Amino acid sequence: MSKLDPRPEYNGPLHSWDNLNSVLQTNFNKPGKNFATIDLRKYSIPKDEIITEANKQGYKVSENGEHFLRFE
């Protein structure tokens, strides 16, 4: 018998631009916090669209694993 239950998958509603903007604003407005990481599986927005828009707004975006984007 396992000591842990299986890792839960995210089953909530997929997030949109409003949530992404809120996450980024919250993270970058904290003193000393100069990056944010998001899980693409939680967003209804295509990865390429997120990267393009973020770059336009001055963020440096890099892929951090298969499902994650790091914003600097």
Protein backbone atom coordinates (compact mmCIF):
# COMPACT_ATOMS: atom_id res chain seq x y z
CA MET A 1 0.00 0.00 0.00
CA SER A 2 1.31 3.42 -0.95
CA LYS A 3 1.96 6.02 1.71
CA LEU A 4 0.67 8.75 -0.59
CA ASP A 5 -2.49 9.17 -2.59
CA PRO A 6 -2.03 9.70 -6.35
CA ARG A 7 -1.10 13.23 -7.34
CA PRO A 8 -4.33 15.16 -8.04
CA GLU A 9 -4.84 16.71 -11.44
CA TYR A 10 -6.14 20.28 -11.71
CA ASN A 11 -9.86 20.04 -12.42
CA GLY A 12 -10.92 23.64 -11.94
CA PRO A 13 -11.99 26.04 -14.67
CA LEU A 14 -9.27 27.12 -17.07
CA HIS A 15 -7.95 30.62 -16.52
CA SER A 16 -7.92 33.50 -19.02
CA TRP A 17 -5.97 36.71 -19.61
CA ASP A 18 -7.44 38.40 -16.52
CA ASN A 19 -6.03 35.73 -14.24
CA LEU A 20 -2.64 35.70 -15.97
CA ASN A 21 -2.38 39.47 -15.70
CA SER A 22 -3.31 39.31 -12.02
CA VAL A 23 -0.70 36.63 -11.31
CA LEU A 24 2.03 38.60 -13.06
CA GLN A 25 1.09 41.93 -11.45
CA THR A 26 0.94 40.36 -8.00
CA ASN A 27 4.31 38.66 -8.37
CA PHE A 28 6.17 41.59 -9.88
CA ASN A 29 4.78 44.09 -7.36
CA LYS A 30 6.31 42.17 -4.44
CA PRO A 31 9.65 43.60 -3.28
CA GLY A 32 12.53 41.38 -4.38
CA LYS A 33 10.32 39.17 -6.56
CA ASN A 34 11.57 39.34 -10.15
CA PHE A 35 9.95 36.30 -11.75
CA ALA A 36 6.72 34.33 -11.97
CA THR A 37 6.03 30.80 -13.17
CA ILE A 38 2.71 29.55 -14.51
CA ASP A 39 1.36 26.11 -15.30
CA LEU A 40 0.05 26.18 -18.87
CA ARG A 41 -2.39 23.35 -18.13
CA LYS A 42 -4.41 25.81 -16.04
CA TYR A 43 -4.92 28.30 -18.87
CA SER A 44 -7.24 28.31 -21.87
CA ILE A 45 -4.76 30.47 -23.80
CA PRO A 46 -2.30 28.85 -26.25
CA LYS A 47 1.35 28.95 -25.17
CA ASP A 48 2.51 30.82 -28.29
CA GLU A 49 -0.11 33.51 -27.77
CA ILE A 50 0.94 34.00 -24.14
CA ILE A 51 4.61 34.27 -25.11
CA THR A 52 3.93 36.74 -27.93
CA GLU A 53 1.77 39.02 -25.80
CA ALA A 54 4.12 38.86 -22.81
CA ASN A 55 7.11 39.77 -24.99
CA LYS A 56 5.17 42.77 -26.37
CA GLN A 57 4.62 43.96 -22.80
CA GLY A 58 8.30 43.70 -21.84
CA TYR A 59 8.43 40.31 -20.17
CA LYS A 60 11.20 37.84 -20.93
CA VAL A 61 9.53 34.42 -21.19
CA SER A 62 11.23 31.04 -21.13
CA GLU A 63 9.92 27.50 -21.08
CA ASN A 64 10.53 25.80 -17.76
CA GLY A 65 9.71 22.16 -18.39
CA GLU A 66 6.94 20.78 -20.55
CA HIS A 67 4.00 22.66 -19.01
CA PHE A 68 5.52 25.73 -17.39
CA LEU A 69 6.45 29.24 -18.47
CA ARG A 70 8.77 31.49 -16.48
CA PHE A 71 8.32 35.24 -16.77
CA GLU A 72 11.13 37.63 -15.91
